[in-house]
Protein backbone atom coordinates (compact mmCIF):
# COMPACT_ATOMS: atom_id res chain seq x y z
CA MET A 1 -161.80 -8.37 68.48
CA GLU A 2 -165.17 -7.31 67.21
CA ARG A 3 -165.27 -9.76 64.32
CA LEU A 4 -164.85 -12.67 66.80
CA SER A 5 -167.63 -11.38 68.92
CA LYS A 6 -170.62 -13.45 67.84
CA ARG A 7 -168.66 -16.65 66.87
CA VAL A 8 -166.38 -16.88 69.79
CA TRP A 9 -166.94 -14.50 72.75
CA GLU A 10 -170.75 -14.60 72.86
CA ASN A 11 -170.81 -18.34 72.00
CA LYS A 12 -171.20 -21.20 74.46
CA LEU A 13 -167.56 -22.25 73.94
CA THR A 14 -165.51 -23.11 76.98
CA THR A 15 -163.23 -20.52 78.63
CA ASN A 16 -160.19 -22.44 77.70
CA THR A 17 -161.20 -22.51 73.96
CA LYS A 18 -161.97 -18.75 74.17
CA MET A 19 -158.55 -18.12 75.68
CA SER A 20 -156.83 -20.21 73.09
CA VAL A 21 -158.37 -18.21 70.31
CA TYR A 22 -157.58 -15.07 72.08
CA SER A 23 -153.98 -16.06 72.44
CA ALA A 24 -153.68 -17.40 68.86
CA CYS A 25 -155.47 -14.57 66.99
CA VAL A 26 -155.64 -11.43 69.16
CA LEU A 27 -152.40 -11.44 71.09
CA ILE A 28 -150.24 -12.70 68.22
CA THR A 29 -151.68 -9.96 65.95
CA LEU A 30 -151.57 -7.26 68.77
CA LEU A 31 -147.84 -7.99 69.66
CA TYR A 32 -146.40 -8.61 66.29
CA GLY A 33 -142.84 -7.08 66.22
CA SER A 34 -143.13 -6.01 69.80
CA GLU A 35 -139.61 -7.37 70.43
CA THR A 36 -138.20 -4.36 68.73
CA TRP A 37 -140.58 -1.65 69.87
CA THR A 38 -139.31 1.15 71.98
CA GLY A 39 -141.07 0.65 75.29
CA TYR A 40 -143.16 3.72 76.18
CA THR A 41 -145.11 3.44 79.43
CA ARG A 42 -148.17 5.10 78.05
CA GLN A 43 -148.41 2.60 75.12
CA GLU A 44 -147.80 -0.32 77.41
CA LEU A 45 -150.50 0.91 79.81
CA ARG A 46 -153.02 1.11 76.86
CA LEU A 47 -151.98 -2.29 75.65
CA ASN A 48 -152.52 -3.63 79.18
CA SER A 49 -155.87 -2.01 79.52
CA PHE A 50 -156.97 -3.58 76.18
CA HIS A 51 -155.71 -6.90 77.32
CA LEU A 52 -157.62 -6.78 80.63
CA CYS A 53 -160.77 -5.59 78.90
CA CYS A 54 -160.57 -8.58 76.58
CA LEU A 55 -159.99 -10.92 79.44
CA ARG A 56 -162.95 -9.61 81.43
CA ARG A 57 -165.08 -10.02 78.27
CA ILE A 58 -163.97 -13.56 77.72
CA LEU A 59 -164.40 -14.50 81.43
CA GLY A 60 -167.78 -12.65 81.68
CA ILE A 61 -166.64 -10.30 84.42
CA THR A 62 -168.58 -7.05 84.51
CA TRP A 63 -167.29 -3.85 86.09
CA GLN A 64 -170.06 -4.05 88.61
CA GLU A 65 -168.54 -7.20 90.12
CA ARG A 66 -165.51 -5.12 91.16
CA VAL A 67 -163.01 -8.01 90.47
CA PRO A 68 -159.46 -6.94 90.68
CA ASN A 69 -157.18 -7.31 87.60
CA THR A 70 -155.02 -9.90 89.26
CA GLU A 71 -157.93 -12.08 89.74
CA GLY A 72 -158.97 -11.83 86.07
CA LEU A 73 -155.41 -12.71 85.09
CA ARG A 74 -155.48 -15.67 87.47
CA GLN A 75 -158.90 -16.74 86.11
CA GLY A 76 -157.65 -16.52 82.54
CA ASN A 77 -154.41 -18.26 83.40
CA THR A 78 -152.41 -15.64 81.62
CA LEU A 79 -149.79 -12.86 82.27
CA SER A 80 -150.13 -9.20 82.36
CA MET A 81 -149.24 -7.33 79.14
CA PHE A 82 -146.08 -6.12 80.88
CA ALA A 83 -144.87 -9.64 81.50
CA LEU A 84 -145.80 -10.72 78.03
CA LEU A 85 -143.81 -7.81 76.41
CA SER A 86 -140.89 -8.56 78.76
CA GLN A 87 -140.95 -12.21 77.80
CA ARG A 88 -140.85 -11.35 74.11
CA ARG A 89 -138.06 -8.91 74.40
CA LEU A 90 -135.96 -11.21 76.54
CA ARG A 91 -136.46 -14.06 73.91
CA TRP A 92 -135.43 -11.70 71.10
CA LEU A 93 -132.32 -10.56 73.04
CA GLY A 94 -131.39 -14.33 73.65
CA HIS A 95 -131.66 -14.85 69.72
CA VAL A 96 -129.57 -11.75 69.17
CA HIS A 97 -126.98 -12.78 71.71
CA ARG A 98 -126.59 -16.13 69.99
CA MET A 99 -126.29 -14.74 66.49
CA GLU A 100 -122.84 -14.60 64.74
CA TYR A 101 -121.05 -11.41 64.32
CA GLY A 102 -121.73 -9.73 61.05
CA ARG A 103 -125.55 -10.34 61.23
CA LEU A 104 -127.44 -7.06 61.24
CA PRO A 105 -129.37 -7.27 64.53
CA LYS A 106 -126.16 -8.29 66.32
CA ASP A 107 -124.24 -5.49 64.75
CA PHE A 108 -126.90 -2.98 65.53
CA SER A 109 -127.12 -4.12 69.14
CA MET A 110 -123.46 -3.66 69.51
CA THR A 111 -123.43 -0.28 67.93
CA SER A 112 -126.16 0.85 70.32
CA CYS A 113 -124.33 -0.54 73.18
CA LEU A 114 -121.19 1.37 72.29
CA GLN A 115 -123.08 4.48 71.72
CA ALA A 116 -124.67 4.14 75.16
CA LEU A 117 -121.11 3.50 76.64
CA ASP A 118 -119.94 6.77 75.12
CA GLN A 119 -122.80 8.78 76.51
CA SER A 120 -122.66 7.33 80.01
CA ALA A 121 -120.16 5.80 82.38
CA ALA A 122 -122.15 2.65 82.85
CA PRO A 123 -120.28 -0.45 81.55
CA CYS A 124 -121.73 -2.30 78.52
CA TYR A 125 -120.35 -5.90 78.26
CA ASP A 126 -120.31 -8.19 75.31
CA LEU A 127 -120.98 -11.61 76.84
CA GLY A 128 -120.55 -13.32 73.47
CA ALA A 129 -116.96 -12.22 73.17
CA SER A 130 -116.06 -13.29 76.59
CA ALA A 131 -117.51 -16.72 76.17
CA ASN A 132 -115.63 -17.25 72.83
CA GLY A 133 -112.39 -16.22 74.42
CA THR A 134 -111.85 -13.21 72.19
């Protein structure tokens, strides 16, 4: 974020251009592999704080202006870090669900599902098997 400071954030570029650079460079690097991270609340809160701090810097919002975070997200036309992480995880789960059996991510997800079933009484369904008629 600091290396982009003079060239992008403090430059007279439009907000849309700054947001595009932020999404393409900072968010992609920050969230690389986040689909498979264990979601700890403390870490997600820290990621969200960083995300909101960057947005405020891009939009030129200072802490003295007392602008709520929701307004900063609306002005930046982006989602909160919690929503971004959820989107990425759900997209990954969709990929895993469509994979053929025998692929490592599919097998691993089925193994964890069966282990969770053994440890609790909550049902764990394999939607792929019921759709294939097996």
